[in-house]
Amino acid sequence: EVCDLIESNNLDMDYILENVPEYKEAETQLNGRVQKWKSEIEQKMAAIEDMQRNLDNERALLTKELIEEREEEIAFQEKELFDYQEKRFGARGDLIIQKSILVKPIQDQVFTAIQDIAEQKRYDFILDKSSDLTILFADKRHDISDLVVRAIMRSERREQLSKKELKSNNYGNNG
């Protein structure tokens, strides 16, 4: 019935991005940066492991103060490494930022093309099947946000009227 009247199509965003040359180039650039960052992390880890191995080998020959000093230096280097990993690969790290900078212009092109196609073909919805059927385009006439707001407002007005009636009935019984 209603579903038969709704015109929708699916697309695979991953497939589209993989076939856009600019995206492949951007992805190659980013992968190069990621490999460089990983290499830097591995070098720092190896240096920390060397420091720890040297401390373990020389522990018997060192004073308590020298041991503590070296342990503090190792702890400092480990914290630096952790901070560097967060800076590069954390939730707000360079990887996420660089990915959005490199990919955003291409995604904008894709979304513009999707909108143009949807309007030309008069589709109601376009879904991205590569990401759990994310809606990429929805015709404005299917947006029921205003209806929901109006329904909530009507419900609140009815509730307020009911409270007023209760108050007026209670006052009337007491008088």
N, C-alpha and C. Protein backbone atom coordinates (compact mmCIF):
# COMPACT_ATOMS: atom_id res chain seq x y z
N GLU A 1 0.82 -1.19 0.00
CA GLU A 1 0.00 0.00 0.00
C GLU A 1 0.87 1.26 0.00
N VAL A 2 1.08 1.85 1.18
CA VAL A 2 1.89 3.07 1.26
C VAL A 2 3.32 2.78 0.80
N CYS A 3 3.84 1.62 1.18
CA CYS A 3 5.22 1.27 0.80
C CYS A 3 5.36 1.19 -0.72
N ASP A 4 4.30 0.80 -1.42
CA ASP A 4 4.37 0.72 -2.87
C ASP A 4 4.52 2.10 -3.50
N LEU A 5 4.05 3.13 -2.80
CA LEU A 5 4.10 4.48 -3.33
C LEU A 5 5.44 5.16 -3.07
N ILE A 6 6.20 4.64 -2.12
CA ILE A 6 7.48 5.26 -1.78
C ILE A 6 8.57 4.73 -2.70
N GLU A 7 9.28 5.65 -3.32
CA GLU A 7 10.33 5.30 -4.28
C GLU A 7 11.67 5.42 -3.58
N SER A 8 12.39 4.29 -3.41
CA SER A 8 13.69 4.35 -2.76
C SER A 8 14.67 3.44 -3.48
N ASN A 9 15.94 3.76 -3.33
CA ASN A 9 17.01 2.96 -3.93
C ASN A 9 18.14 2.82 -2.93
N ASN A 10 19.00 1.82 -3.16
CA ASN A 10 20.18 1.60 -2.34
C ASN A 10 21.43 1.93 -3.14
N LEU A 11 22.47 2.28 -2.44
CA LEU A 11 23.77 2.40 -3.07
C LEU A 11 24.81 1.90 -2.09
N ASP A 12 26.00 1.63 -2.58
CA ASP A 12 27.09 1.13 -1.75
C ASP A 12 28.17 2.20 -1.73
N MET A 13 28.21 2.97 -0.63
CA MET A 13 29.14 4.10 -0.51
C MET A 13 30.59 3.62 -0.60
N ASP A 14 30.90 2.48 0.00
CA ASP A 14 32.26 1.96 -0.07
C ASP A 14 32.67 1.71 -1.52
N TYR A 15 31.78 1.10 -2.28
CA TYR A 15 32.06 0.81 -3.69
C TYR A 15 32.30 2.11 -4.46
N ILE A 16 31.45 3.11 -4.22
CA ILE A 16 31.58 4.39 -4.93
C ILE A 16 32.93 5.03 -4.59
N LEU A 17 33.26 5.09 -3.29
CA LEU A 17 34.52 5.73 -2.90
C LEU A 17 35.73 4.99 -3.47
N GLU A 18 35.66 3.67 -3.51
CA GLU A 18 36.77 2.89 -4.05
C GLU A 18 36.95 3.12 -5.54
N ASN A 19 35.92 3.59 -6.22
CA ASN A 19 36.00 3.80 -7.66
C ASN A 19 36.18 5.27 -8.04
N VAL A 20 36.35 6.14 -7.06
CA VAL A 20 36.62 7.55 -7.32
C VAL A 20 38.14 7.74 -7.19
N PRO A 21 38.83 8.10 -8.28
CA PRO A 21 40.30 8.21 -8.24
C PRO A 21 40.82 9.15 -7.15
N GLU A 22 40.14 10.27 -6.92
CA GLU A 22 40.60 11.21 -5.89
C GLU A 22 40.61 10.56 -4.51
N TYR A 23 39.63 9.71 -4.25
CA TYR A 23 39.55 9.03 -2.95
C TYR A 23 40.72 8.05 -2.80
N LYS A 24 41.00 7.29 -3.87
CA LYS A 24 42.11 6.33 -3.82
C LYS A 24 43.43 7.06 -3.56
N GLU A 25 43.61 8.19 -4.23
CA GLU A 25 44.83 8.98 -4.05
C GLU A 25 44.93 9.50 -2.61
N ALA A 26 43.82 10.02 -2.09
CA ALA A 26 43.79 10.54 -0.72
C ALA A 26 44.08 9.41 0.27
N GLU A 27 43.50 8.25 0.03
CA GLU A 27 43.70 7.11 0.91
C GLU A 27 45.17 6.66 0.89
N THR A 28 45.80 6.68 -0.27
CA THR A 28 47.21 6.31 -0.40
C THR A 28 48.09 7.29 0.39
N GLN A 29 47.79 8.59 0.28
CA GLN A 29 48.54 9.59 1.04
C GLN A 29 48.41 9.34 2.53
N LEU A 30 47.20 9.10 2.98
CA LEU A 30 46.95 8.89 4.40
C LEU A 30 47.65 7.62 4.88
N ASN A 31 47.59 6.56 4.10
CA ASN A 31 48.25 5.31 4.49
C ASN A 31 49.76 5.51 4.62
N GLY A 32 50.33 6.35 3.77
CA GLY A 32 51.76 6.68 3.87
C GLY A 32 52.07 7.35 5.20
N ARG A 33 51.22 8.30 5.60
CA ARG A 33 51.41 8.98 6.89
C ARG A 33 51.28 8.00 8.05
N VAL A 34 50.28 7.13 7.96
CA VAL A 34 50.03 6.16 9.02
C VAL A 34 51.25 5.24 9.18
N GLN A 35 51.81 4.78 8.08
CA GLN A 35 53.00 3.91 8.15
C GLN A 35 54.17 4.64 8.80
N LYS A 36 54.33 5.92 8.48
CA LYS A 36 55.40 6.73 9.08
C LYS A 36 55.20 6.83 10.59
N TRP A 37 53.96 7.11 11.02
CA TRP A 37 53.65 7.22 12.44
C TRP A 37 53.89 5.90 13.16
N LYS A 38 53.48 4.80 12.53
CA LYS A 38 53.68 3.48 13.14
C LYS A 38 55.17 3.18 13.29
N SER A 39 55.95 3.56 12.29
CA SER A 39 57.40 3.35 12.34
C SER A 39 58.01 4.15 13.49
N GLU A 40 57.58 5.39 13.64
CA GLU A 40 58.07 6.23 14.74
C GLU A 40 57.73 5.61 16.09
N ILE A 41 56.53 5.07 16.22
CA ILE A 41 56.10 4.43 17.47
C ILE A 41 56.96 3.20 17.75
N GLU A 42 57.21 2.40 16.72
CA GLU A 42 58.04 1.20 16.90
C GLU A 42 59.46 1.58 17.33
N GLN A 43 60.01 2.65 16.76
CA GLN A 43 61.36 3.10 17.14
C GLN A 43 61.39 3.53 18.60
N LYS A 44 60.36 4.27 19.01
CA LYS A 44 60.30 4.73 20.40
C LYS A 44 60.14 3.55 21.36
N MET A 45 59.33 2.56 20.95
CA MET A 45 59.14 1.36 21.79
C MET A 45 60.47 0.60 21.93
N ALA A 46 61.19 0.47 20.84
CA ALA A 46 62.48 -0.24 20.86
C ALA A 46 63.47 0.49 21.78
N ALA A 47 63.48 1.82 21.73
CA ALA A 47 64.38 2.60 22.58
C ALA A 47 64.03 2.39 24.06
N ILE A 48 62.75 2.36 24.38
CA ILE A 48 62.32 2.14 25.76
C ILE A 48 62.71 0.74 26.21
N GLU A 49 62.52 -0.25 25.34
CA GLU A 49 62.90 -1.63 25.68
C GLU A 49 64.40 -1.73 25.92
N ASP A 50 65.19 -1.02 25.12
CA ASP A 50 66.65 -1.00 25.32
C ASP A 50 67.00 -0.40 26.68
N MET A 51 66.35 0.71 27.02
CA MET A 51 66.60 1.35 28.32
C MET A 51 66.28 0.39 29.46
N GLN A 52 65.15 -0.31 29.34
CA GLN A 52 64.74 -1.25 30.38
C GLN A 52 65.72 -2.43 30.47
N ARG A 53 66.15 -2.96 29.32
CA ARG A 53 67.09 -4.08 29.28
C ARG A 53 68.43 -3.66 29.91
N ASN A 54 68.91 -2.45 29.56
CA ASN A 54 70.16 -1.95 30.14
C ASN A 54 70.05 -1.80 31.65
N LEU A 55 68.92 -1.28 32.10
CA LEU A 55 68.71 -1.13 33.55
C LEU A 55 68.72 -2.50 34.22
N ASP A 56 68.01 -3.45 33.65
CA ASP A 56 67.97 -4.79 34.25
C ASP A 56 69.37 -5.41 34.32
N ASN A 57 70.18 -5.22 33.25
CA ASN A 57 71.53 -5.79 33.21
C ASN A 57 72.48 -5.11 34.20
N GLU A 58 72.28 -3.80 34.43
CA GLU A 58 73.21 -3.04 35.27
C GLU A 58 72.69 -2.81 36.69
N ARG A 59 71.51 -3.29 36.98
CA ARG A 59 70.85 -3.01 38.28
C ARG A 59 71.76 -3.32 39.46
N ALA A 60 72.45 -4.45 39.43
CA ALA A 60 73.30 -4.85 40.56
C ALA A 60 74.46 -3.89 40.78
N LEU A 61 74.88 -3.19 39.74
CA LEU A 61 76.03 -2.29 39.84
C LEU A 61 75.64 -0.86 40.20
N LEU A 62 74.35 -0.53 40.15
CA LEU A 62 73.90 0.86 40.33
C LEU A 62 73.44 1.13 41.75
N THR A 63 73.56 2.40 42.14
CA THR A 63 73.03 2.81 43.45
C THR A 63 71.51 2.92 43.35
N LYS A 64 70.88 2.93 44.49
CA LYS A 64 69.41 3.05 44.54
C LYS A 64 68.94 4.32 43.81
N GLU A 65 69.67 5.41 44.01
CA GLU A 65 69.31 6.69 43.38
C GLU A 65 69.40 6.60 41.85
N LEU A 66 70.46 5.97 41.35
CA LEU A 66 70.61 5.82 39.89
C LEU A 66 69.51 4.92 39.31
N ILE A 67 69.16 3.87 40.04
CA ILE A 67 68.08 2.98 39.59
C ILE A 67 66.77 3.76 39.50
N GLU A 68 66.46 4.54 40.55
CA GLU A 68 65.23 5.34 40.56
C GLU A 68 65.22 6.36 39.44
N GLU A 69 66.40 6.96 39.20
CA GLU A 69 66.53 7.96 38.14
C GLU A 69 66.23 7.33 36.77
N ARG A 70 66.79 6.16 36.52
CA ARG A 70 66.55 5.48 35.25
C ARG A 70 65.10 5.00 35.13
N GLU A 71 64.54 4.53 36.22
CA GLU A 71 63.13 4.09 36.20
C GLU A 71 62.21 5.27 35.89
N GLU A 72 62.52 6.42 36.47
CA GLU A 72 61.75 7.63 36.19
C GLU A 72 61.86 8.02 34.71
N GLU A 73 63.07 7.92 34.16
CA GLU A 73 63.28 8.24 32.75
C GLU A 73 62.49 7.28 31.86
N ILE A 74 62.49 6.00 32.22
CA ILE A 74 61.73 5.00 31.44
C ILE A 74 60.24 5.32 31.52
N ALA A 75 59.75 5.63 32.73
CA ALA A 75 58.33 5.97 32.90
C ALA A 75 57.98 7.23 32.09
N PHE A 76 58.88 8.20 32.09
CA PHE A 76 58.67 9.43 31.32
C PHE A 76 58.58 9.11 29.83
N GLN A 77 59.51 8.28 29.33
CA GLN A 77 59.52 7.90 27.92
C GLN A 77 58.26 7.12 27.55
N GLU A 78 57.78 6.25 28.46
CA GLU A 78 56.54 5.50 28.21
C GLU A 78 55.34 6.43 28.12
N LYS A 79 55.31 7.43 29.00
CA LYS A 79 54.21 8.40 28.95
C LYS A 79 54.27 9.21 27.66
N GLU A 80 55.47 9.62 27.27
CA GLU A 80 55.64 10.34 26.00
C GLU A 80 55.13 9.49 24.82
N LEU A 81 55.46 8.20 24.85
CA LEU A 81 55.02 7.30 23.79
C LEU A 81 53.50 7.19 23.78
N PHE A 82 52.90 7.03 24.95
CA PHE A 82 51.45 6.94 25.05
C PHE A 82 50.80 8.22 24.51
N ASP A 83 51.33 9.37 24.90
CA ASP A 83 50.80 10.65 24.43
C ASP A 83 50.91 10.76 22.90
N TYR A 84 52.04 10.30 22.37
CA TYR A 84 52.25 10.34 20.92
C TYR A 84 51.24 9.44 20.21
N GLN A 85 51.01 8.24 20.75
CA GLN A 85 50.03 7.33 20.16
C GLN A 85 48.64 7.95 20.18
N GLU A 86 48.28 8.60 21.28
CA GLU A 86 46.98 9.27 21.37
C GLU A 86 46.88 10.40 20.36
N LYS A 87 47.98 11.17 20.23
CA LYS A 87 48.00 12.30 19.30
C LYS A 87 47.77 11.83 17.87
N ARG A 88 48.36 10.69 17.52
CA ARG A 88 48.25 10.18 16.17
C ARG A 88 47.00 9.33 15.93
N PHE A 89 46.68 8.42 16.88
CA PHE A 89 45.65 7.42 16.63
C PHE A 89 44.46 7.49 17.60
N GLY A 90 44.45 8.45 18.50
CA GLY A 90 43.36 8.56 19.47
C GLY A 90 42.05 9.03 18.82
N ALA A 91 41.02 9.10 19.64
CA ALA A 91 39.69 9.49 19.15
C ALA A 91 39.70 10.86 18.49
N ARG A 92 40.56 11.76 18.95
CA ARG A 92 40.68 13.09 18.34
C ARG A 92 42.06 13.29 17.72
N GLY A 93 42.64 12.18 17.32
CA GLY A 93 44.01 12.22 16.80
C GLY A 93 44.11 12.61 15.34
N ASP A 94 45.35 12.67 14.91
CA ASP A 94 45.66 13.09 13.54
C ASP A 94 45.04 12.18 12.49
N LEU A 95 44.95 10.88 12.78
CA LEU A 95 44.38 9.96 11.79
C LEU A 95 42.94 10.35 11.48
N ILE A 96 42.15 10.57 12.50
CA ILE A 96 40.74 10.93 12.30
C ILE A 96 40.64 12.28 11.59
N ILE A 97 41.44 13.24 12.04
CA ILE A 97 41.42 14.58 11.44
C ILE A 97 41.83 14.53 9.97
N GLN A 98 42.96 13.86 9.69
CA GLN A 98 43.46 13.77 8.33
C GLN A 98 42.48 13.03 7.42
N LYS A 99 41.87 11.98 7.96
CA LYS A 99 40.90 11.22 7.16
C LYS A 99 39.74 12.12 6.76
N SER A 100 39.24 12.90 7.72
CA SER A 100 38.11 13.76 7.39
C SER A 100 38.51 14.87 6.42
N ILE A 101 39.74 15.40 6.56
CA ILE A 101 40.20 16.45 5.64
C ILE A 101 40.35 15.90 4.23
N LEU A 102 40.92 14.71 4.10
CA LEU A 102 41.17 14.12 2.78
C LEU A 102 39.89 13.63 2.12
N VAL A 103 38.98 13.09 2.93
CA VAL A 103 37.80 12.42 2.37
C VAL A 103 36.61 13.38 2.20
N LYS A 104 36.55 14.43 3.00
CA LYS A 104 35.38 15.31 2.99
C LYS A 104 35.03 15.86 1.60
N PRO A 105 35.98 16.40 0.84
CA PRO A 105 35.61 16.93 -0.48
C PRO A 105 35.00 15.85 -1.40
N ILE A 106 35.52 14.64 -1.29
CA ILE A 106 35.00 13.55 -2.13
C ILE A 106 33.60 13.15 -1.67
N GLN A 107 33.42 13.07 -0.35
CA GLN A 107 32.09 12.75 0.18
C GLN A 107 31.09 13.83 -0.23
N ASP A 108 31.50 15.09 -0.20
CA ASP A 108 30.62 16.18 -0.61
C ASP A 108 30.18 16.00 -2.07
N GLN A 109 31.14 15.61 -2.93
CA GLN A 109 30.81 15.35 -4.34
C GLN A 109 29.79 14.22 -4.45
N VAL A 110 30.02 13.16 -3.68
CA VAL A 110 29.11 11.99 -3.72
C VAL A 110 27.72 12.41 -3.26
N PHE A 111 27.63 13.16 -2.15
CA PHE A 111 26.32 13.56 -1.64
C PHE A 111 25.60 14.51 -2.59
N THR A 112 26.34 15.38 -3.26
CA THR A 112 25.74 16.27 -4.26
C THR A 112 25.17 15.44 -5.41
N ALA A 113 25.95 14.47 -5.88
CA ALA A 113 25.49 13.59 -6.96
C ALA A 113 24.25 12.81 -6.53
N ILE A 114 24.26 12.31 -5.29
CA ILE A 114 23.11 11.55 -4.76
C ILE A 114 21.87 12.43 -4.76
N GLN A 115 22.00 13.64 -4.27
CA GLN A 115 20.85 14.55 -4.20
C GLN A 115 20.32 14.86 -5.60
N ASP A 116 21.22 15.13 -6.55
CA ASP A 116 20.80 15.43 -7.93
C ASP A 116 20.06 14.24 -8.54
N ILE A 117 20.62 13.05 -8.36
CA ILE A 117 19.99 11.84 -8.92
C ILE A 117 18.63 11.61 -8.26
N ALA A 118 18.56 11.78 -6.95
CA ALA A 118 17.31 11.55 -6.23
C ALA A 118 16.22 12.51 -6.71
N GLU A 119 16.60 13.77 -6.94
CA GLU A 119 15.61 14.74 -7.40
C GLU A 119 15.19 14.47 -8.85
N GLN A 120 16.15 14.11 -9.71
CA GLN A 120 15.82 13.81 -11.11
C GLN A 120 14.91 12.58 -11.22
N LYS A 121 15.24 11.55 -10.46
CA LYS A 121 14.50 10.29 -10.54
C LYS A 121 13.28 10.28 -9.61
N ARG A 122 13.13 11.35 -8.82
CA ARG A 122 12.02 11.47 -7.86
C ARG A 122 12.00 10.34 -6.85
N TYR A 123 13.20 10.00 -6.32
CA TYR A 123 13.29 9.01 -5.26
C TYR A 123 12.89 9.66 -3.95
N ASP A 124 12.25 8.88 -3.10
CA ASP A 124 11.90 9.37 -1.77
C ASP A 124 13.07 9.19 -0.80
N PHE A 125 13.77 8.06 -0.92
CA PHE A 125 14.89 7.75 -0.03
C PHE A 125 16.00 7.11 -0.85
N ILE A 126 17.24 7.35 -0.41
CA ILE A 126 18.38 6.60 -0.90
C ILE A 126 19.13 6.11 0.33
N LEU A 127 19.36 4.81 0.38
CA LEU A 127 19.99 4.18 1.54
C LEU A 127 21.38 3.70 1.17
N ASP A 128 22.32 3.81 2.13
CA ASP A 128 23.67 3.30 1.93
C ASP A 128 23.73 1.89 2.50
N LYS A 129 23.80 0.90 1.64
CA LYS A 129 23.78 -0.49 2.09
C LYS A 129 25.13 -0.93 2.67
N SER A 130 26.17 -0.13 2.50
CA SER A 130 27.48 -0.52 3.03
C SER A 130 27.61 -0.17 4.52
N SER A 131 26.67 0.61 5.07
CA SER A 131 26.79 1.00 6.48
C SER A 131 25.45 0.85 7.19
N ASP A 132 24.95 -0.36 7.27
CA ASP A 132 23.69 -0.65 7.96
C ASP A 132 22.54 0.22 7.48
N LEU A 133 22.45 0.39 6.17
CA LEU A 133 21.35 1.12 5.53
C LEU A 133 21.15 2.53 6.08
N THR A 134 22.21 3.29 6.12
CA THR A 134 22.14 4.69 6.51
C THR A 134 21.37 5.45 5.43
N ILE A 135 20.48 6.34 5.86
CA ILE A 135 19.73 7.15 4.90
C ILE A 135 20.63 8.30 4.44
N LEU A 136 20.89 8.35 3.15
CA LEU A 136 21.72 9.40 2.57
C LEU A 136 20.89 10.54 2.00
N PHE A 137 19.66 10.22 1.63
CA PHE A 137 18.76 11.23 1.08
C PHE A 137 17.34 10.86 1.49
N ALA A 138 16.59 11.85 1.92
CA ALA A 138 15.18 11.66 2.21
C ALA A 138 14.44 12.89 1.74
N ASP A 139 13.40 12.68 0.95
CA ASP A 139 12.60 13.79 0.45
C ASP A 139 11.96 14.49 1.65
N LYS A 140 11.95 15.82 1.61
CA LYS A 140 11.44 16.60 2.74
C LYS A 140 9.99 16.27 3.08
N ARG A 141 9.23 15.84 2.09
CA ARG A 141 7.81 15.57 2.38
C ARG A 141 7.62 14.38 3.32
N HIS A 142 8.70 13.59 3.54
CA HIS A 142 8.60 12.46 4.46
C HIS A 142 9.10 12.81 5.86
N ASP A 143 9.50 14.06 6.07
CA ASP A 143 9.97 14.49 7.38
C ASP A 143 8.76 14.82 8.25
N ILE A 144 8.58 14.05 9.30
CA ILE A 144 7.41 14.25 10.16
C ILE A 144 7.77 14.96 11.46
N SER A 145 8.93 15.60 11.51
CA SER A 145 9.38 16.27 12.72
C SER A 145 8.36 17.30 13.21
N ASP A 146 7.83 18.13 12.29
CA ASP A 146 6.83 19.12 12.69
C ASP A 146 5.58 18.47 13.26
N LEU A 147 5.15 17.36 12.65
CA LEU A 147 3.97 16.65 13.16
C LEU A 147 4.21 16.14 14.58
N VAL A 148 5.40 15.63 14.83
CA VAL A 148 5.73 15.13 16.17
C VAL A 148 5.72 16.27 17.17
N VAL A 149 6.32 17.41 16.81
CA VAL A 149 6.33 18.57 17.72
C VAL A 149 4.90 19.02 18.01
N ARG A 150 4.07 19.10 16.97
CA ARG A 150 2.67 19.52 17.17
C ARG A 150 1.92 18.54 18.07
N ALA A 151 2.16 17.25 17.89
CA ALA A 151 1.50 16.24 18.71
C ALA A 151 1.91 16.38 20.17
N ILE A 152 3.19 16.64 20.40
CA ILE A 152 3.67 16.82 21.78
C ILE A 152 3.05 18.06 22.39
N MET A 153 2.98 19.15 21.61
CA MET A 153 2.40 20.40 22.12
C MET A 153 0.92 20.21 22.45
N ARG A 154 0.18 19.49 21.58
CA ARG A 154 -1.24 19.22 21.84
C ARG A 154 -1.39 18.41 23.13
N SER A 155 -0.54 17.41 23.29
CA SER A 155 -0.59 16.56 24.47
C SER A 155 -0.32 17.38 25.73
N GLU A 156 0.67 18.27 25.67
CA GLU A 156 0.99 19.12 26.82
C GLU A 156 -0.17 20.07 27.14
N ARG A 157 -0.81 20.63 26.09
CA ARG A 157 -1.95 21.53 26.32
C ARG A 157 -3.10 20.78 26.98
N ARG A 158 -3.36 19.55 26.49
CA ARG A 158 -4.42 18.74 27.11
C ARG A 158 -4.13 18.47 28.57
N GLU A 159 -2.84 18.18 28.86
CA GLU A 159 -2.44 17.91 30.24
C GLU A 159 -2.64 19.14 31.11
N GLN A 160 -2.29 20.31 30.60
CA GLN A 160 -2.45 21.55 31.36
C GLN A 160 -3.93 21.84 31.60
N LEU A 161 -4.76 21.62 30.58
CA LEU A 161 -6.20 21.83 30.75
C LEU A 161 -6.77 20.88 31.80
N SER A 162 -6.31 19.63 31.77
CA SER A 162 -6.78 18.65 32.76
C SER A 162 -6.39 19.07 34.16
N LYS A 163 -5.20 19.59 34.34
CA LYS A 163 -4.74 20.05 35.66
C LYS A 163 -5.57 21.23 36.13
N LYS A 164 -5.90 22.16 35.19
CA LYS A 164 -6.73 23.32 35.55
C LYS A 164 -8.11 22.86 35.98
N GLU A 165 -8.67 21.89 35.25
CA GLU A 165 -10.00 21.37 35.61
C GLU A 165 -9.96 20.73 36.98
N LEU A 166 -8.92 19.96 37.27
CA LEU A 166 -8.81 19.33 38.59
C LEU A 166 -8.74 20.38 39.69
N LYS A 167 -7.91 21.43 39.46
CA LYS A 167 -7.78 22.50 40.45
C LYS A 167 -9.12 23.20 40.67
N SER A 168 -9.81 23.53 39.56
CA SER A 168 -11.07 24.25 39.70
C SER A 168 -12.12 23.37 40.38
N ASN A 169 -12.12 22.07 40.10
CA ASN A 169 -13.07 21.15 40.76
C ASN A 169 -12.75 21.01 42.24
N ASN A 170 -11.48 20.96 42.61
CA ASN A 170 -11.09 20.84 44.01
C ASN A 170 -11.45 22.09 44.78
N TYR A 171 -11.21 23.26 44.18
CA TYR A 171 -11.55 24.52 44.86
C TYR A 171 -13.08 24.63 45.00
N GLY A 172 -13.78 24.19 44.01
CA GLY A 172 -15.25 24.27 44.06
C GLY A 172 -15.83 23.39 45.14
N ASN A 173 -15.24 22.24 45.44
CA ASN A 173 -15.73 21.32 46.47
C ASN A 173 -15.44 21.83 47.86
N ASN A 174 -14.35 22.60 48.00
CA ASN A 174 -13.97 23.09 49.33
C ASN A 174 -14.79 24.30 49.75
N GLY A 175 -15.39 25.02 48.82
CA GLY A 175 -16.02 26.29 49.11
C GLY A 175 -17.39 26.14 49.49
